């Protein structure tokens, strides 16, 4: 069971590593259509600051939870420390992924909508590339 859960979690995490950069590119295209500017740097910087901040907060949270439940390295753990470790390794990620899934379910930039965005951007670029007076 643990192997199956780990495999499923690994596949989900690997899928996110592919999905999010792809979605980011689509959102950047949408933003360009809306504003007329390309802002990849802002999007990537914001994304990475948020990811690094979340990693730092998660590490801090784990430390606080483990220390408050009596975790001691290299010894048999108390029931409360074991429950905390199980919760941090399974319950909390489950809750976070579920909340993320619910938020993401409202994401409206579908493949068809992005195709329309690209068509409009390409048409705009073609008009801008035409020589003056033609």
C-alpha atoms as a PDB file:
ATOM      1  CA  UNK A   1       0.000   0.000   0.000  1.00  0.00           C
ATOM      2  CA  UNK A   2       2.810   2.406   0.877  1.00  0.00           C
ATOM      3  CA  UNK A   3       4.523   1.696  -2.463  1.00  0.00           C
ATOM      4  CA  UNK A   4       1.300   2.301  -4.384  1.00  0.00           C
ATOM      5  CA  UNK A   5       0.670   5.561  -2.540  1.00  0.00           C
ATOM      6  CA  UNK A   6       4.270   6.675  -3.102  1.00  0.00           C
ATOM      7  CA  UNK A   7       4.031   5.820  -6.811  1.00  0.00           C
ATOM      8  CA  UNK A   8       0.770   7.726  -7.174  1.00  0.00           C
ATOM      9  CA  UNK A   9       2.195  10.721  -5.309  1.00  0.00           C
ATOM     10  CA  UNK A  10       5.367  10.632  -7.402  1.00  0.00           C
ATOM     11  CA  UNK A  11       3.379  10.499 -10.628  1.00  0.00           C
ATOM     12  CA  UNK A  12       1.218  13.405  -9.472  1.00  0.00           C
ATOM     13  CA  UNK A  13       4.261  15.458  -8.494  1.00  0.00           C
ATOM     14  CA  UNK A  14       5.994  14.685 -11.796  1.00  0.00           C
ATOM     15  CA  UNK A  15       2.867  15.655 -13.699  1.00  0.00           C
ATOM     16  CA  UNK A  16       2.736  18.971 -11.884  1.00  0.00           C
ATOM     17  CA  UNK A  17       6.348  19.657 -12.878  1.00  0.00           C
ATOM     18  CA  UNK A  18       5.227  19.439 -16.525  1.00  0.00           C
ATOM     19  CA  UNK A  19       1.746  20.943 -16.218  1.00  0.00           C
ATOM     20  CA  UNK A  20       2.532  24.163 -14.378  1.00  0.00           C
ATOM     21  CA  UNK A  21       5.241  25.529 -16.716  1.00  0.00           C
ATOM     22  CA  UNK A  22       2.953  24.755 -19.649  1.00  0.00           C
ATOM     23  CA  UNK A  23       0.049  26.584 -18.021  1.00  0.00           C
ATOM     24  CA  UNK A  24       2.352  29.441 -17.141  1.00  0.00           C
ATOM     25  CA  UNK A  25       3.208  29.894 -20.821  1.00  0.00           C
ATOM     26  CA  UNK A  26      -0.503  29.912 -21.700  1.00  0.00           C
ATOM     27  CA  UNK A  27      -1.238  32.523 -19.031  1.00  0.00           C
ATOM     28  CA  UNK A  28       1.638  34.677 -20.303  1.00  0.00           C
ATOM     29  CA  UNK A  29       0.115  34.522 -23.802  1.00  0.00           C
ATOM     30  CA  UNK A  30      -3.294  35.512 -22.391  1.00  0.00           C
ATOM     31  CA  UNK A  31      -1.713  38.408 -20.490  1.00  0.00           C
ATOM     32  CA  UNK A  32       0.060  39.566 -23.654  1.00  0.00           C
ATOM     33  CA  UNK A  33      -3.255  39.563 -25.531  1.00  0.00           C
ATOM     34  CA  UNK A  34      -4.869  41.551 -22.725  1.00  0.00           C
ATOM     35  CA  UNK A  35      -2.078  44.075 -22.073  1.00  0.00           C
ATOM     36  CA  UNK A  36       0.021  44.067 -25.239  1.00  0.00           C
ATOM     37  CA  UNK A  37       3.186  43.325 -23.230  1.00  0.00           C
ATOM     38  CA  UNK A  38       5.274  40.190 -22.665  1.00  0.00           C
ATOM     39  CA  UNK A  39       6.118  39.771 -18.968  1.00  0.00           C
ATOM     40  CA  UNK A  40       7.715  36.330 -18.706  1.00  0.00           C
ATOM     41  CA  UNK A  41      10.301  37.568 -16.220  1.00  0.00           C
ATOM     42  CA  UNK A  42       7.687  38.837 -13.792  1.00  0.00           C
ATOM     43  CA  UNK A  43       5.697  35.610 -13.995  1.00  0.00           C
ATOM     44  CA  UNK A  44       8.704  33.321 -13.540  1.00  0.00           C
ATOM     45  CA  UNK A  45      10.157  35.434 -10.716  1.00  0.00           C
ATOM     46  CA  UNK A  46       6.838  35.518  -8.878  1.00  0.00           C
ATOM     47  CA  UNK A  47       6.368  31.770  -9.389  1.00  0.00           C
ATOM     48  CA  UNK A  48       9.794  30.947  -7.986  1.00  0.00           C
ATOM     49  CA  UNK A  49       9.530  33.344  -5.036  1.00  0.00           C
ATOM     50  CA  UNK A  50       6.193  31.754  -4.127  1.00  0.00           C
ATOM     51  CA  UNK A  51       7.609  28.227  -4.471  1.00  0.00           C
ATOM     52  CA  UNK A  52      10.711  29.025  -2.403  1.00  0.00           C
ATOM     53  CA  UNK A  53       8.602  30.777   0.230  1.00  0.00           C
ATOM     54  CA  UNK A  54       6.248  27.801   0.454  1.00  0.00           C
ATOM     55  CA  UNK A  55       9.222  25.464   0.895  1.00  0.00           C
ATOM     56  CA  UNK A  56      10.577  27.636   3.699  1.00  0.00           C
ATOM     57  CA  UNK A  57       7.224  27.871   5.466  1.00  0.00           C
ATOM     58  CA  UNK A  58       6.723  24.106   5.128  1.00  0.00           C
ATOM     59  CA  UNK A  59      10.141  23.413   6.659  1.00  0.00           C
ATOM     60  CA  UNK A  60       9.410  25.770   9.528  1.00  0.00           C
ATOM     61  CA  UNK A  61       5.979  24.184  10.077  1.00  0.00           C
ATOM     62  CA  UNK A  62       7.478  20.680  10.172  1.00  0.00           C
ATOM     63  CA  UNK A  63      10.065  21.796  12.720  1.00  0.00           C
ATOM     64  CA  UNK A  64       7.481  23.439  14.971  1.00  0.00           C
ATOM     65  CA  UNK A  65       5.070  20.496  14.787  1.00  0.00           C
ATOM     66  CA  UNK A  66       7.729  17.872  15.457  1.00  0.00           C
ATOM     67  CA  UNK A  67       9.279  19.792  18.341  1.00  0.00           C
ATOM     68  CA  UNK A  68       5.857  20.427  19.894  1.00  0.00           C
ATOM     69  CA  UNK A  69       4.964  16.714  19.754  1.00  0.00           C
ATOM     70  CA  UNK A  70       8.122  15.516  21.482  1.00  0.00           C
ATOM     71  CA  UNK A  71      10.128  14.302  18.486  1.00  0.00           C
ATOM     72  CA  UNK A  72      13.661  13.250  19.442  1.00  0.00           C
ATOM     73  CA  UNK A  73      16.160  12.148  16.784  1.00  0.00           C
ATOM     74  CA  UNK A  74      17.607   8.614  16.884  1.00  0.00           C
ATOM     75  CA  UNK A  75      15.205   7.223  19.496  1.00  0.00           C
ATOM     76  CA  UNK A  76      11.854   5.425  19.444  1.00  0.00           C
ATOM     77  CA  UNK A  77       9.197   8.078  18.964  1.00  0.00           C
ATOM     78  CA  UNK A  78       6.201   8.754  21.183  1.00  0.00           C
ATOM     79  CA  UNK A  79       2.703   8.142  19.842  1.00  0.00           C
ATOM     80  CA  UNK A  80       2.138  11.878  19.429  1.00  0.00           C
ATOM     81  CA  UNK A  81       5.371  12.288  17.445  1.00  0.00           C
ATOM     82  CA  UNK A  82       4.450   9.317  15.232  1.00  0.00           C
ATOM     83  CA  UNK A  83       0.984  10.760  14.616  1.00  0.00           C
ATOM     84  CA  UNK A  84       2.550  14.122  13.758  1.00  0.00           C
ATOM     85  CA  UNK A  85       4.939  12.492  11.267  1.00  0.00           C
ATOM     86  CA  UNK A  86       2.124  10.521   9.628  1.00  0.00           C
ATOM     87  CA  UNK A  87      -0.021  13.639   9.424  1.00  0.00           C
ATOM     88  CA  UNK A  88       2.795  15.721   7.955  1.00  0.00           C
ATOM     89  CA  UNK A  89       3.631  13.052   5.386  1.00  0.00           C
ATOM     90  CA  UNK A  90       0.090  12.182   4.309  1.00  0.00           C
ATOM     91  CA  UNK A  91      -2.743  14.178   5.826  1.00  0.00           C
ATOM     92  CA  UNK A  92      -1.372  17.664   5.239  1.00  0.00           C
ATOM     93  CA  UNK A  93      -0.302  16.990   1.628  1.00  0.00           C
ATOM     94  CA  UNK A  94      -3.708  15.420   0.959  1.00  0.00           C
ATOM     95  CA  UNK A  95      -5.464  18.521   2.254  1.00  0.00           C
ATOM     96  CA  UNK A  96      -3.173  20.841   0.288  1.00  0.00           C
ATOM     97  CA  UNK A  97      -3.590  18.889  -2.968  1.00  0.00           C
ATOM     98  CA  UNK A  98      -7.364  18.788  -2.466  1.00  0.00           C
ATOM     99  CA  UNK A  99      -7.560  22.558  -1.896  1.00  0.00           C
ATOM    100  CA  UNK A 100      -5.324  23.133  -4.908  1.00  0.00           C
ATOM    101  CA  UNK A 101      -7.486  20.848  -7.033  1.00  0.00           C
ATOM    102  CA  UNK A 102     -10.625  22.740  -6.014  1.00  0.00           C
ATOM    103  CA  UNK A 103      -9.010  26.091  -6.823  1.00  0.00           C
ATOM    104  CA  UNK A 104      -7.616  24.786 -10.111  1.00  0.00           C
ATOM    105  CA  UNK A 105     -11.006  23.386 -11.149  1.00  0.00           C
ATOM    106  CA  UNK A 106     -12.095  27.010 -11.688  1.00  0.00           C
ATOM    107  CA  UNK A 107      -9.194  27.711 -14.096  1.00  0.00           C
ATOM    108  CA  UNK A 108     -10.924  28.903 -17.258  1.00  0.00           C
ATOM    109  CA  UNK A 109      -8.071  29.025 -19.779  1.00  0.00           C
ATOM    110  CA  UNK A 110      -8.870  25.809 -21.637  1.00  0.00           C
ATOM    111  CA  UNK A 111      -7.006  24.410 -24.624  1.00  0.00           C
ATOM    112  CA  UNK A 112      -9.630  25.887 -26.957  1.00  0.00           C
ATOM    113  CA  UNK A 113      -9.482  29.283 -25.254  1.00  0.00           C
ATOM    114  CA  UNK A 114      -5.683  29.285 -25.539  1.00  0.00           C
ATOM    115  CA  UNK A 115      -5.932  28.371 -29.228  1.00  0.00           C
ATOM    116  CA  UNK A 116      -8.112  31.489 -29.689  1.00  0.00           C
ATOM    117  CA  UNK A 117      -5.601  33.597 -27.750  1.00  0.00           C
ATOM    118  CA  UNK A 118      -2.742  32.343 -29.954  1.00  0.00           C
ATOM    119  CA  UNK A 119      -4.748  33.014 -33.125  1.00  0.00           C
ATOM    120  CA  UNK A 120      -5.407  36.597 -32.027  1.00  0.00           C
ATOM    121  CA  UNK A 121      -1.756  37.121 -31.069  1.00  0.00           C
ATOM    122  CA  UNK A 122      -0.578  35.687 -34.379  1.00  0.00           C
ATOM    123  CA  UNK A 123      -3.014  37.916 -36.291  1.00  0.00           C
ATOM    124  CA  UNK A 124      -1.798  40.951 -34.339  1.00  0.00           C
ATOM    125  CA  UNK A 125       1.831  40.064 -35.080  1.00  0.00           C
ATOM    126  CA  UNK A 126       1.056  39.633 -38.786  1.00  0.00           C
ATOM    127  CA  UNK A 127      -0.553  43.088 -38.909  1.00  0.00           C
ATOM    128  CA  UNK A 128       2.425  44.644 -37.133  1.00  0.00           C
ATOM    129  CA  UNK A 129       4.835  42.930 -39.542  1.00  0.00           C
ATOM    130  CA  UNK A 130       3.127  44.312 -42.659  1.00  0.00           C
ATOM    131  CA  UNK A 131       5.106  47.085 -44.361  1.00  0.00           C
ATOM    132  CA  UNK A 132       3.660  50.575 -44.045  1.00  0.00           C
ATOM    133  CA  UNK A 133       1.349  51.572 -46.870  1.00  0.00           C
ATOM    134  CA  UNK A 134       0.503  48.069 -48.022  1.00  0.00           C
END
